[in-house]
Each structure stands twice: as structure tokens, then as C-alpha cells.
Amino acid sequence: MLANLPERFRKSVFAGVATVAVLLSCAPIAQARVTKIIIDSTVDPDATLAPFGDAGPLKRLKGRAFGELDPNDEHNSIIQDIRLAPRNARGKVEYMATFQLIMPSDPTKMSGLMWHDVPNRGGRITIVPAERNVGDVGVSSGWQGDNSGATAQQGLPNNEFVVVPVARNHNGSSITGNVLGRIVNRGGPDSQPILVQNNPLPYKPATLDTAQATLTIHAHETVDGIVTEGGRVRSTDWAWAKCDATHPFPGTPDPTQICLKNGFDPTLLYQLVFTAKDPYVLGVGFAAFRDVGAFFKNQHHDDFGTRNPFAGRVNWVIGRGVSQSGNFLRAFLHLGFNQDEAWRQVYDGAWPIIAGRRAALNFRWAQPDGVLELYQAGSEGPQWWVRWEDNVRHLPKRGILDRLHRDPYLSEDHRTFRLRRSVGFEADAGMGGDGREGRHSTTGKCPSLLYFEFYPWRWPGWLQHQPPR
């Protein structure tokens, strides 16, 4: 397939270690659901992108995309709580996503290939010189809407995020539910935040009354879930508050901090279950990422006449994500988001790199910053590309691409390139339940597999090819 593409495109794809992952087919063109874009800044040429190559000087644009979703459309109805999200006068659910574009100053130098990079915890991505200097264009856009830490919606001008709605009960009242948080490896009198990876837990308590929450101590845990408990902390011995040695317990009320009367013991783990309110409809992030990609691929202008800087010059799009961002792409494909409301295919290829599971995004109280830790969601359901019976967890034969295979607009032929990294966490989730890779479930063809055994930027000789069985 790649042999039939123009030379410039093939050169850029194979620059460095760039390899297309899941190749799909095309669908009819219609209107995208990004309704408005705003270009907030343009640097042309951008000297930070030098030295320039065959494509000449390059420019950088930063902006925001405003979109709306039909909650009743089958491409969106899989989003958790979308029917509980506020709607505009047209009955649509709105979002806003930030983006960055990298492109030649002279649009005629564009190669026709667009890389749509998935930010990792908000980190904006600029395509590498081997791609941009041959005329490839890069899009980095927000998908994570938990408004916490690196995806906070104020104060981080160079990070990507998406503003998603908060779900409400049908009568307009706040939705509440139980949330679990954990504090580990912390000691001393200072109050501590509840972190998910390195970012604060995105949900706040419905009340600061500690009698309405449960704080327990774990003295020991095993990887298979056996816990040695160390007792429950009395509600009078801790507070939702900020404190330290100078300002001791009970401290100053703060819904983001836990203050202990006797301080934290670094040898113990502290587990908190509390009632939170106002869950974000985080699954909108999938649709926002989809629609931003579709807009820059297909549309000439938005609904207000603002021109797409790439208009008419994008022929192929590859979605790409590393680690947590690769997990997002795996979930994106699994849930069927590679097709927009207009029944168009969005990505011609998807490249999840060192991605061992799927992003924990499309459920209420999701914590998308989570990794593969024992009590974090994201490893449920199939973790491999093709249909394979999960004999370990006693689940039926399923695969990540099942939804795509059922869709007549998407190709049944694909190649998969994946990486294995999930050592010391829950599992090597890229493999089948008994350690074997499945075969293509629909065509009977086994895809060619490329295993990246280690981080490619750290280890020489890291490519190992496995031919079809």
C-alpha cells in the first residue's frame, strides 16, 4: 500500500522510526462538527523550528476549536453521560479544544500528510524535523477535560486541553457518587493532595464533613489484591484542610488536601473513599479529538468563514500517541471514534507507541491520568487488536478492532505495530490471555507485527520483526 504513495509521503513516513500502525479505508465527505476555529497566535517564520529543510520556512499557529455533538447520533451515543450534559438551543452538546498547527509558510510545500499527535497529560507536541522539513504538517490538540494539574484550563498557555460539560441530573441538580483516592509514600505533618500519577485528583468532595468519608490505612498490599489493613482513621483525626508544622491540624479548610492530626507515616498507604459531585463528561474528549482531526483534514472553512490553514492540501492523516497517549488511541479505535458524524473515516493510520492498555476516560468519575496501577481502571475488556479468547479472566473472544470490523465503511485489512512495556504493573496487556497473539478475525489474515521491546530512544537495535504465522 505504501509503495503506491508519492515519494515525498513515503520518505516522511519512514523518517526516523515513523511507521503507520492501523491502516483503514475512506468514507464519504460531509460537514465536520467543529463549528468555529480561532487562531490566537501565529509565528511566521518560527525560528525555533530551524534549521529548515526542503519545505522551506515553517510557521506555528495556536488556537481553539469550538464544536458541538448530537447526543442522539450513534457516533456519540456511546459517550458516558452525554445525555445528561447541558445542550444549546439546537439541542447539541458543546466543547472547546485547544490546538497547535505546524506547517510550511508556503502551503504549496505541504507533503499531503498530516500527523495528529495526542498530547500526554496536556503536553503540547511539535512534530520532529524529519517530518516537518519535508512538508508534513502537525496538529496537536486537546482531549483531556479533567481540568486538573497539567490539563488545568488556566495558567498553562502551552498545554493542550478540552473543555467538556459537567453532567447534571435531569432536574438540574448535582450528580454525586463515591470516588476512591490514595496517598502513598508521604510522611510528616504537612497536608497532602490526592494524586493520580503526578496530577491532583480531578474531583472534589460534596462536603468537607469527614464523617461522610472513610479514610483507612493499608500496611501492605500484594499485586493480586491482598491487603493488610492498618485500621480506620477516626473522622475527628483528619480534615479536608491545608496544614503544616507551623499551621497544625485542623489547618485551613481545603477540598484538595488531607490533613492528619498525627501526620503521615511514609511506610503506610492511606486510602480515602468520599462522595464527590459534578462529574465531567470526559468521553467528549474522544469526539473532540476526532472532530478536530476531521476538520483540518476535510474542511475549507468553519461555519463563520474562517479558513482552514490546511484547506485542500491534506491527503492522509495519521493519529499518533506515546504511552498514555497511545492508550488514548487504542480506546479511540475500540469505541469506534475513527468515524465522525458525517460517516467519514478520520485517520488513515493510527500509531500507538508503548501503549499497554486503553485510556480510562469514558465512564463517570474517570481518572485519565491513571497508569497501570492495581486500583486504576483502564484494563477492562479486550487489550489486543484481534479477536482472542481471554482464558485468564474468563472473558469471551473479543478484540479492540471489533467495532471497526462491523462497520461497512471501514476496511477489514490492517497492519498492527505495537510495543510491549507493561512490566511490573498489571500485565503485558498487548498480548492475549495466554501470551499468544490472535489472528485477524474477519479476513482470516494474520497481520504483520512489529514489536518494540524497549523505549526506542533509549535502546539500540530495538526493532524485531515477527512475520505472519
Protein backbone atom coordinates (compact mmCIF):
# COMPACT_ATOMS: atom_id res chain seq x y z
CA MET A 1 0.00 0.00 0.00
CA LEU A 2 2.77 2.48 0.92
CA ALA A 3 4.61 1.64 -2.30
CA ASN A 4 1.80 3.29 -4.27
CA LEU A 5 2.05 6.61 -2.44
CA PRO A 6 4.11 9.58 -3.67
CA GLU A 7 7.82 9.50 -2.86
CA ARG A 8 7.67 12.55 -0.58
CA PHE A 9 4.96 10.93 1.54
CA ARG A 10 6.83 7.64 1.81
CA LYS A 11 10.04 9.42 2.81
CA SER A 12 8.31 11.30 5.61
CA VAL A 13 6.52 8.21 6.90
CA PHE A 14 9.76 6.29 7.24
CA ALA A 15 11.79 9.22 8.57
CA GLY A 16 13.32 8.18 11.88
CA VAL A 17 11.11 5.33 13.05
CA ALA A 18 7.81 6.66 11.71
CA THR A 19 5.62 3.67 10.82
CA VAL A 20 1.89 3.61 10.14
CA ALA A 21 0.08 1.33 12.55
CA VAL A 22 -3.54 0.50 11.77
CA LEU A 23 -4.39 1.17 8.12
CA LEU A 24 -8.04 1.76 7.30
CA SER A 25 -10.16 2.87 4.32
CA CYS A 26 -12.02 6.03 3.25
CA ALA A 27 -15.65 7.14 3.62
CA PRO A 28 -17.83 9.84 2.01
CA ILE A 29 -17.23 13.52 2.74
CA ALA A 30 -19.70 15.79 4.53
CA GLN A 31 -19.61 18.60 7.10
CA ALA A 32 -17.47 18.29 10.23
CA ARG A 33 -18.79 19.19 13.64
CA VAL A 34 -16.16 21.74 14.54
CA THR A 35 -18.25 24.85 14.02
CA LYS A 36 -15.66 27.54 14.72
CA ILE A 37 -11.89 27.94 14.97
CA ILE A 38 -9.99 30.89 16.41
CA ILE A 39 -6.29 31.40 15.63
CA ASP A 40 -4.92 33.07 18.76
CA SER A 41 -1.30 33.44 17.62
CA THR A 42 0.85 32.97 14.52
CA VAL A 43 4.65 32.92 14.35
CA ASP A 44 5.80 33.02 10.71
CA PRO A 45 8.50 32.04 10.23
CA ASP A 46 9.17 30.36 13.56
CA ALA A 47 12.93 30.44 14.17
CA THR A 48 12.62 27.79 16.88
CA LEU A 49 11.77 25.28 14.13
CA ALA A 50 15.04 25.94 12.24
CA PRO A 51 17.10 24.68 10.52
CA PHE A 52 14.55 24.42 7.75
CA GLY A 53 14.57 21.77 5.03
CA ASP A 54 13.09 21.19 1.58
CA ALA A 55 9.74 22.62 2.69
CA GLY A 56 11.36 25.98 3.45
CA PRO A 57 10.45 28.23 6.39
CA LEU A 58 7.86 26.92 8.82
CA LYS A 59 5.17 28.59 10.88
CA ARG A 60 3.41 27.80 14.13
CA LEU A 61 -0.24 28.59 14.81
CA LYS A 62 -2.03 28.21 18.13
CA GLY A 63 -5.77 28.36 18.56
CA ARG A 64 -9.05 26.95 19.78
CA ALA A 65 -11.68 24.81 18.11
CA PHE A 66 -15.33 25.05 19.15
CA GLY A 67 -17.58 22.14 18.35
CA GLU A 68 -20.93 20.59 19.06
CA LEU A 69 -22.15 17.00 19.26
CA ASP A 70 -25.52 15.45 18.60
CA PRO A 71 -26.07 13.32 21.73
CA ASN A 72 -28.51 11.11 19.81
CA ASP A 73 -26.14 10.37 16.94
CA GLU A 74 -24.84 6.81 17.08
CA HIS A 75 -21.27 8.06 16.72
CA ASN A 76 -21.63 9.94 20.02
CA SER A 77 -24.22 7.98 21.98
CA ILE A 78 -21.54 5.67 23.40
CA ILE A 79 -20.17 8.63 25.42
CA GLN A 80 -20.96 8.12 29.10
CA ASP A 81 -23.45 10.70 30.43
CA ILE A 82 -23.70 12.66 27.17
CA ARG A 83 -27.49 12.69 27.58
CA LEU A 84 -27.04 14.37 30.97
CA ALA A 85 -24.87 17.14 29.54
CA PRO A 86 -26.26 20.67 29.02
CA ARG A 87 -27.41 21.42 25.46
CA ASN A 88 -27.50 24.56 23.38
CA ALA A 89 -30.55 25.95 21.58
CA ARG A 90 -30.01 23.41 18.78
CA GLY A 91 -30.06 20.51 21.21
CA LYS A 92 -26.31 19.91 20.84
CA VAL A 93 -23.58 19.37 23.43
CA GLU A 94 -20.73 21.87 23.14
CA TYR A 95 -16.98 21.63 23.75
CA MET A 96 -13.82 23.67 23.17
CA ALA A 97 -10.40 22.16 22.38
CA THR A 98 -7.04 23.89 22.12
CA PHE A 99 -4.71 23.12 19.22
CA GLN A 100 -1.33 23.87 17.65
CA LEU A 101 -0.51 23.66 13.94
CA ILE A 102 2.96 23.31 12.38
CA MET A 103 3.14 23.85 8.61
CA PRO A 104 5.27 25.33 5.83
CA SER A 105 4.99 29.08 5.42
CA ASP A 106 4.30 28.31 1.75
CA PRO A 107 1.28 25.94 1.75
CA THR A 108 2.24 24.63 -1.67
CA LYS A 109 5.19 22.90 0.01
CA MET A 110 2.88 20.70 2.09
CA SER A 111 3.51 16.98 1.50
CA GLY A 112 -0.15 15.98 1.92
CA LEU A 113 0.49 14.11 5.17
CA MET A 114 -0.92 15.36 8.48
CA TRP A 115 0.24 13.99 11.82
CA HIS A 116 -2.38 14.34 14.55
CA ASP A 117 -0.47 13.89 17.81
CA VAL A 118 -2.18 13.03 21.09
CA PRO A 119 -0.78 15.12 23.98
CA ASN A 120 0.40 13.21 27.02
CA ARG A 121 -1.24 14.78 30.08
CA GLY A 122 -1.59 18.10 28.35
CA GLY A 123 1.90 18.39 26.89
CA ARG A 124 1.74 20.14 23.51
CA ILE A 125 3.55 18.25 20.73
CA THR A 126 5.62 19.66 17.86
CA ILE A 127 6.43 17.29 15.01
CA VAL A 128 10.13 16.47 14.58
CA PRO A 129 12.43 17.98 11.92
CA ALA A 130 12.45 14.78 9.82
CA GLU A 131 8.70 15.24 9.34
CA ARG A 132 8.19 18.98 9.15
CA ASN A 133 11.21 19.65 6.91
CA VAL A 134 9.73 17.51 4.11
CA GLY A 135 6.41 19.31 4.28
CA ASP A 136 4.39 17.18 6.68
CA VAL A 137 2.04 19.20 8.85
CA GLY A 138 1.42 18.61 12.54
CA VAL A 139 -1.66 19.02 14.70
CA SER A 140 -1.57 18.75 18.47
CA SER A 141 -4.98 19.12 20.12
CA GLY A 142 -6.63 18.65 23.49
CA TRP A 143 -8.59 15.58 24.56
CA GLN A 144 -8.30 15.53 28.35
CA GLY A 145 -11.03 17.54 30.09
CA ASP A 146 -10.49 16.82 33.78
CA ASN A 147 -9.20 20.38 34.39
CA SER A 148 -6.52 19.28 36.82
CA GLY A 149 -2.75 19.68 37.01
CA ALA A 150 -1.22 19.75 33.54
CA THR A 151 -4.67 19.89 31.91
CA ALA A 152 -5.88 22.80 34.05
CA GLN A 153 -7.72 25.30 31.90
CA GLN A 154 -5.94 28.38 33.23
CA GLY A 155 -2.28 29.24 33.71
CA LEU A 156 -0.68 26.80 31.22
CA PRO A 157 -0.72 28.58 27.83
CA ASN A 158 1.40 25.96 26.06
CA ASN A 159 -0.58 22.91 27.16
CA GLU A 160 -3.49 21.26 25.39
CA PHE A 161 -6.87 20.60 26.98
CA VAL A 162 -10.54 20.30 26.13
CA VAL A 163 -13.39 21.98 27.96
CA VAL A 164 -16.16 19.42 28.39
CA PRO A 165 -19.55 19.77 30.09
CA VAL A 166 -20.44 18.65 33.59
CA ALA A 167 -23.21 16.06 33.82
CA ARG A 168 -26.35 17.03 35.77
CA ASN A 169 -29.43 15.19 36.88
CA HIS A 170 -32.49 15.78 34.70
CA ASN A 171 -33.82 18.24 37.28
CA GLY A 172 -30.59 20.24 37.12
CA SER A 173 -29.22 19.14 40.48
CA SER A 174 -25.66 17.92 41.01
CA ILE A 175 -24.79 14.28 40.40
CA THR A 176 -22.93 12.67 43.29
CA GLY A 177 -21.06 9.40 43.65
CA ASN A 178 -18.27 7.62 45.50
CA VAL A 179 -14.66 8.26 44.45
CA LEU A 180 -11.55 6.45 45.66
CA GLY A 181 -8.23 8.23 46.19
CA ARG A 182 -4.89 7.06 47.58
CA ILE A 183 -1.93 8.76 49.25
CA VAL A 184 1.33 6.80 49.31
CA ASN A 185 5.00 7.46 50.14
CA ARG A 186 4.25 10.59 52.11
CA GLY A 187 5.45 11.45 55.60
CA GLY A 188 5.43 14.29 58.11
CA PRO A 189 2.96 16.88 59.36
CA ASP A 190 2.26 18.62 56.05
CA SER A 191 -1.11 18.07 54.42
CA GLN A 192 -1.08 16.06 51.20
CA PRO A 193 -3.07 16.18 47.95
CA ILE A 194 -4.60 13.06 46.44
CA LEU A 195 -2.66 12.47 43.24
CA VAL A 196 -3.36 10.46 40.11
CA GLN A 197 0.09 9.88 38.68
CA ASN A 198 1.51 13.39 39.25
CA ASN A 199 -1.68 15.42 38.90
CA PRO A 200 -4.34 16.19 41.53
CA LEU A 201 -7.45 14.05 41.64
CA PRO A 202 -9.93 16.00 39.48
CA TYR A 203 -12.96 15.58 41.78
CA LYS A 204 -13.74 17.48 44.95
CA PRO A 205 -15.86 16.36 47.90
CA ALA A 206 -19.54 17.24 48.06
CA THR A 207 -18.98 18.11 51.72
CA LEU A 208 -15.97 18.76 53.96
CA ASP A 209 -17.62 16.76 56.73
CA THR A 210 -15.13 13.92 57.32
CA ALA A 211 -17.87 11.81 58.92
CA GLN A 212 -19.22 11.43 55.38
CA ALA A 213 -15.99 9.84 54.11
CA THR A 214 -13.86 6.83 55.02
CA LEU A 215 -10.07 7.03 55.47
CA THR A 216 -8.34 3.70 56.01
CA ILE A 217 -4.71 2.66 56.42
CA HIS A 218 -3.09 -0.12 54.42
CA ALA A 219 0.05 -1.64 55.91
CA HIS A 220 0.73 -3.98 52.99
CA GLU A 221 -0.65 -4.85 49.55
CA THR A 222 0.15 -7.55 47.02
CA VAL A 223 -0.16 -7.30 43.25
CA ASP A 224 -3.10 -9.71 43.30
CA GLY A 225 -5.12 -7.51 45.63
CA ILE A 226 -4.47 -9.00 49.09
CA VAL A 227 -4.49 -6.12 51.57
CA THR A 228 -3.27 -5.96 55.15
CA GLU A 229 -5.28 -3.17 56.71
CA GLY A 230 -3.98 -0.97 59.48
CA GLY A 231 -7.30 0.35 60.72
CA ARG A 232 -9.57 3.26 60.04
CA VAL A 233 -8.67 6.86 60.84
CA ARG A 234 -11.34 8.42 63.04
CA SER A 235 -13.21 11.26 61.38
CA THR A 236 -12.11 13.59 64.19
CA ASP A 237 -8.43 12.85 63.48
CA TRP A 238 -8.28 14.14 59.92
CA ALA A 239 -9.65 17.06 57.91
CA TRP A 240 -10.13 18.35 54.40
CA ALA A 241 -7.61 21.08 55.05
CA LYS A 242 -4.18 22.51 54.33
CA CYS A 243 -1.75 22.30 57.26
CA ASP A 244 1.95 22.07 58.14
CA ALA A 245 4.18 22.22 61.21
CA THR A 246 3.62 25.96 61.53
CA HIS A 247 -0.12 25.70 60.91
CA PRO A 248 -1.02 22.37 62.51
CA PHE A 249 -4.19 20.31 62.49
CA PRO A 250 -7.00 21.10 61.84
CA GLY A 251 -5.48 23.60 59.41
CA THR A 252 -7.30 25.75 56.88
CA PRO A 253 -10.27 24.13 55.07
CA ASP A 254 -9.27 22.98 51.58
CA PRO A 255 -11.15 20.43 49.42
CA THR A 256 -7.93 19.37 47.67
CA GLN A 257 -5.78 18.49 50.74
CA ILE A 258 -5.86 15.90 53.53
CA CYS A 259 -4.53 16.95 56.95
CA LEU A 260 -3.83 14.27 59.57
CA LYS A 261 -3.79 15.06 63.28
CA ASN A 262 -0.72 12.88 63.82
CA GLY A 263 0.88 13.40 60.41
CA PHE A 264 1.62 10.87 57.66
CA ASP A 265 3.71 7.73 58.07
CA PRO A 266 5.74 7.06 54.87
CA THR A 267 5.56 3.29 55.46
CA LEU A 268 1.79 3.29 55.17
CA LEU A 269 -0.74 3.84 52.40
CA TYR A 270 -3.83 5.97 53.04
CA GLN A 271 -6.99 5.16 51.11
CA LEU A 272 -9.93 7.54 51.04
CA VAL A 273 -13.47 6.92 49.79
CA PHE A 274 -15.61 10.05 49.65
CA THR A 275 -18.71 11.44 47.97
CA ALA A 276 -17.84 13.69 45.03
CA LYS A 277 -20.11 15.83 42.90
CA ASP A 278 -20.32 17.21 39.36
CA PRO A 279 -18.62 14.59 37.12
CA TYR A 280 -17.13 15.75 33.84
CA VAL A 281 -18.42 14.14 30.65
CA LEU A 282 -14.86 13.15 29.82
CA GLY A 283 -15.76 10.90 26.89
CA VAL A 284 -16.48 14.08 24.92
CA GLY A 285 -12.68 14.27 24.64
CA PHE A 286 -12.76 11.37 22.16
CA ALA A 287 -15.28 13.14 19.95
CA ALA A 288 -13.46 16.48 20.21
CA PHE A 289 -10.18 14.91 19.10
CA ARG A 290 -12.00 13.12 16.27
CA ASP A 291 -13.72 16.26 15.03
CA VAL A 292 -10.62 18.47 15.19
CA GLY A 293 -8.78 15.91 13.08
CA ALA A 294 -11.70 15.68 10.64
CA PHE A 295 -11.93 19.48 10.34
CA PHE A 296 -8.28 20.02 9.44
CA LYS A 297 -8.37 17.05 7.08
CA ASN A 298 -11.56 17.88 5.18
CA GLN A 299 -12.99 21.35 5.67
CA HIS A 300 -12.11 24.52 3.78
CA HIS A 301 -13.53 26.86 6.42
CA ASP A 302 -15.64 26.90 9.56
CA ASP A 303 -19.28 27.95 9.85
CA PHE A 304 -18.22 31.60 10.23
CA GLY A 305 -15.93 31.73 7.20
CA THR A 306 -12.57 31.34 8.95
CA ARG A 307 -10.34 29.43 6.56
CA ASN A 308 -8.72 26.12 7.50
CA PRO A 309 -4.94 26.77 7.11
CA PHE A 310 -4.57 23.26 5.60
CA ALA A 311 -7.59 23.60 3.28
CA GLY A 312 -7.48 21.26 0.30
CA ARG A 313 -3.91 20.07 0.92
CA VAL A 314 -4.26 17.11 3.30
CA ASN A 315 -4.48 13.70 1.66
CA TRP A 316 -3.60 11.39 4.54
CA VAL A 317 -3.83 11.64 8.32
CA ILE A 318 -2.04 9.52 10.92
CA GLY A 319 -3.04 9.65 14.57
CA ARG A 320 -0.10 9.08 16.90
CA GLY A 321 0.33 8.74 20.64
CA VAL A 322 3.11 7.65 23.01
CA SER A 323 2.45 5.78 26.26
CA GLN A 324 -0.66 7.33 27.86
CA SER A 325 -1.45 8.98 24.53
CA GLY A 326 -1.14 5.63 22.79
CA ASN A 327 -3.60 4.24 25.33
CA PHE A 328 -5.97 7.00 24.23
CA LEU A 329 -5.65 5.93 20.59
CA ARG A 330 -6.34 2.30 21.44
CA ALA A 331 -9.52 3.33 23.28
CA PHE A 332 -10.41 5.75 20.47
CA LEU A 333 -10.37 2.90 17.94
CA HIS A 334 -12.06 0.41 20.25
CA LEU A 335 -15.04 2.71 20.84
CA GLY A 336 -15.49 3.49 17.15
CA PHE A 337 -14.40 7.14 17.09
CA ASN A 338 -12.47 6.81 13.83
CA GLN A 339 -15.71 7.72 12.08
CA ASP A 340 -17.32 11.13 12.55
CA GLU A 341 -20.98 12.17 12.50
CA ALA A 342 -20.78 12.54 8.72
CA TRP A 343 -19.78 8.85 8.39
CA ARG A 344 -16.27 9.79 7.26
CA GLN A 345 -13.16 7.93 8.24
CA VAL A 346 -10.88 10.24 10.21
CA TYR A 347 -7.46 8.56 10.31
CA ASP A 348 -5.81 6.64 7.50
CA GLY A 349 -3.40 5.22 10.06
CA ALA A 350 -3.04 5.06 13.83
CA TRP A 351 0.28 4.62 15.64
CA PRO A 352 0.01 3.82 19.37
CA ILE A 353 3.54 3.63 20.81
CA ILE A 354 4.45 1.85 24.08
CA ALA A 355 0.74 1.66 24.83
CA GLY A 356 -0.13 -1.24 27.14
CA ARG A 357 -3.85 -0.75 27.67
CA ARG A 358 -6.66 1.76 26.92
CA ALA A 359 -7.14 5.20 28.44
CA ALA A 360 -9.60 5.30 31.35
CA LEU A 361 -11.81 8.06 30.01
CA ASN A 362 -15.32 7.04 29.06
CA PHE A 363 -17.02 6.41 32.39
CA ARG A 364 -18.30 8.51 35.26
CA TRP A 365 -15.60 9.68 37.70
CA ALA A 366 -12.84 8.60 35.29
CA GLN A 367 -9.23 9.42 36.13
CA PRO A 368 -7.44 9.67 32.76
CA ASP A 369 -4.07 10.43 34.35
CA GLY A 370 -4.00 6.92 35.82
CA VAL A 371 -1.48 4.31 34.76
CA LEU A 372 -1.45 0.56 35.22
CA GLU A 373 -1.69 0.54 38.99
CA LEU A 374 -3.77 -2.10 40.70
CA TYR A 375 -6.75 0.08 41.66
CA GLN A 376 -6.88 2.18 38.49
CA ALA A 377 -9.33 1.49 35.70
CA GLY A 378 -8.39 1.09 32.07
CA SER A 379 -7.52 -2.56 31.58
CA GLU A 380 -11.04 -3.95 31.42
CA GLY A 381 -12.23 -5.70 28.28
CA PRO A 382 -10.03 -6.74 25.35
CA GLN A 383 -6.49 -5.38 25.26
CA TRP A 384 -5.33 -6.94 21.99
CA TRP A 385 -6.07 -5.85 18.46
CA VAL A 386 -7.65 -9.02 17.10
CA ARG A 387 -10.29 -11.35 18.49
CA TRP A 388 -8.85 -13.66 21.13
CA GLU A 389 -10.38 -15.54 24.00
CA ASP A 390 -9.28 -14.28 27.41
CA ASN A 391 -8.65 -17.51 29.26
CA VAL A 392 -7.09 -15.76 32.25
CA ARG A 393 -10.05 -13.51 33.06
CA HIS A 394 -12.62 -15.91 31.57
CA LEU A 395 -13.92 -13.39 29.04
CA PRO A 396 -15.27 -14.21 25.55
CA LYS A 397 -13.34 -13.80 22.32
CA ARG A 398 -13.05 -10.09 21.55
CA GLY A 399 -10.60 -7.56 20.14
CA ILE A 400 -10.03 -3.82 20.08
CA LEU A 401 -10.96 -3.59 16.39
CA ASP A 402 -14.29 -5.44 16.65
CA ARG A 403 -16.36 -2.30 16.18
CA LEU A 404 -14.36 -1.28 13.12
CA HIS A 405 -14.78 -4.72 11.56
CA ARG A 406 -18.56 -4.49 11.90
CA ASP A 407 -18.64 -1.15 10.05
CA PRO A 408 -19.07 -1.40 6.26
CA TYR A 409 -17.29 1.94 5.77
CA LEU A 410 -14.03 0.75 7.34
CA SER A 411 -11.51 -1.65 5.89
CA GLU A 412 -11.08 -5.16 7.18
CA ASP A 413 -7.43 -5.12 6.15
CA HIS A 414 -4.95 -3.66 8.59
CA ARG A 415 -1.45 -3.88 9.91
CA THR A 416 -0.64 -3.57 13.55
CA PHE A 417 2.56 -2.29 15.06
CA ARG A 418 2.71 -2.28 18.81
CA LEU A 419 5.05 -2.07 21.75
CA ARG A 420 5.34 -4.03 24.97
CA ARG A 421 6.17 -2.19 28.15
CA SER A 422 3.73 -3.15 30.89
CA VAL A 423 6.22 -4.93 33.12
CA GLY A 424 5.63 -4.85 36.87
CA PHE A 425 2.13 -3.42 36.59
CA GLU A 426 -1.00 -5.42 35.80
CA ALA A 427 0.01 -7.42 32.72
CA ASP A 428 1.57 -7.26 29.30
CA ALA A 429 -1.83 -6.20 28.06
CA GLY A 430 -0.87 -6.16 24.39
CA MET A 431 -0.75 -9.95 24.38
CA GLY A 432 -3.57 -12.44 24.54
CA GLY A 433 -4.66 -14.05 27.78
CA ASP A 434 -2.22 -16.91 27.42
CA GLY A 435 0.62 -14.90 25.90
CA ARG A 436 -0.18 -15.53 22.23
CA GLU A 437 -1.27 -13.03 19.60
CA GLY A 438 -4.56 -13.73 17.86
CA ARG A 439 -5.27 -13.88 14.14
CA HIS A 440 -7.32 -11.42 12.13
CA SER A 441 -10.87 -12.38 12.98
CA THR A 442 -12.67 -11.21 9.89
CA THR A 443 -10.50 -11.87 6.82
CA GLY A 444 -8.52 -14.81 8.20
CA LYS A 445 -5.28 -12.92 7.51
CA CYS A 446 -2.74 -12.56 10.29
CA PRO A 447 -1.31 -9.02 10.26
CA SER A 448 2.41 -8.41 10.23
CA LEU A 449 3.55 -7.41 13.72
CA LEU A 450 6.43 -5.18 14.75
CA TYR A 451 7.43 -5.48 18.41
CA PHE A 452 9.19 -2.53 20.03
CA GLU A 453 10.63 -4.27 23.07
CA PHE A 454 12.02 -1.16 24.80
CA TYR A 455 11.81 2.60 24.61
CA PRO A 456 13.11 3.23 21.06
CA TRP A 457 15.01 6.37 22.11
CA ARG A 458 16.94 4.51 24.83
CA TRP A 459 17.88 1.18 23.33
CA PRO A 460 19.88 0.40 20.17
CA GLY A 461 18.77 -2.44 17.94
CA TRP A 462 15.24 -2.26 19.25
CA LEU A 463 13.35 -3.39 16.14
CA GLN A 464 12.38 -7.02 15.97
CA HIS A 465 10.10 -8.16 13.16
CA GLN A 466 7.70 -11.05 13.58
CA PRO A 467 6.37 -12.43 10.28
CA PRO A 468 2.77 -13.64 9.90
CA ARG A 469 2.07 -17.12 11.22
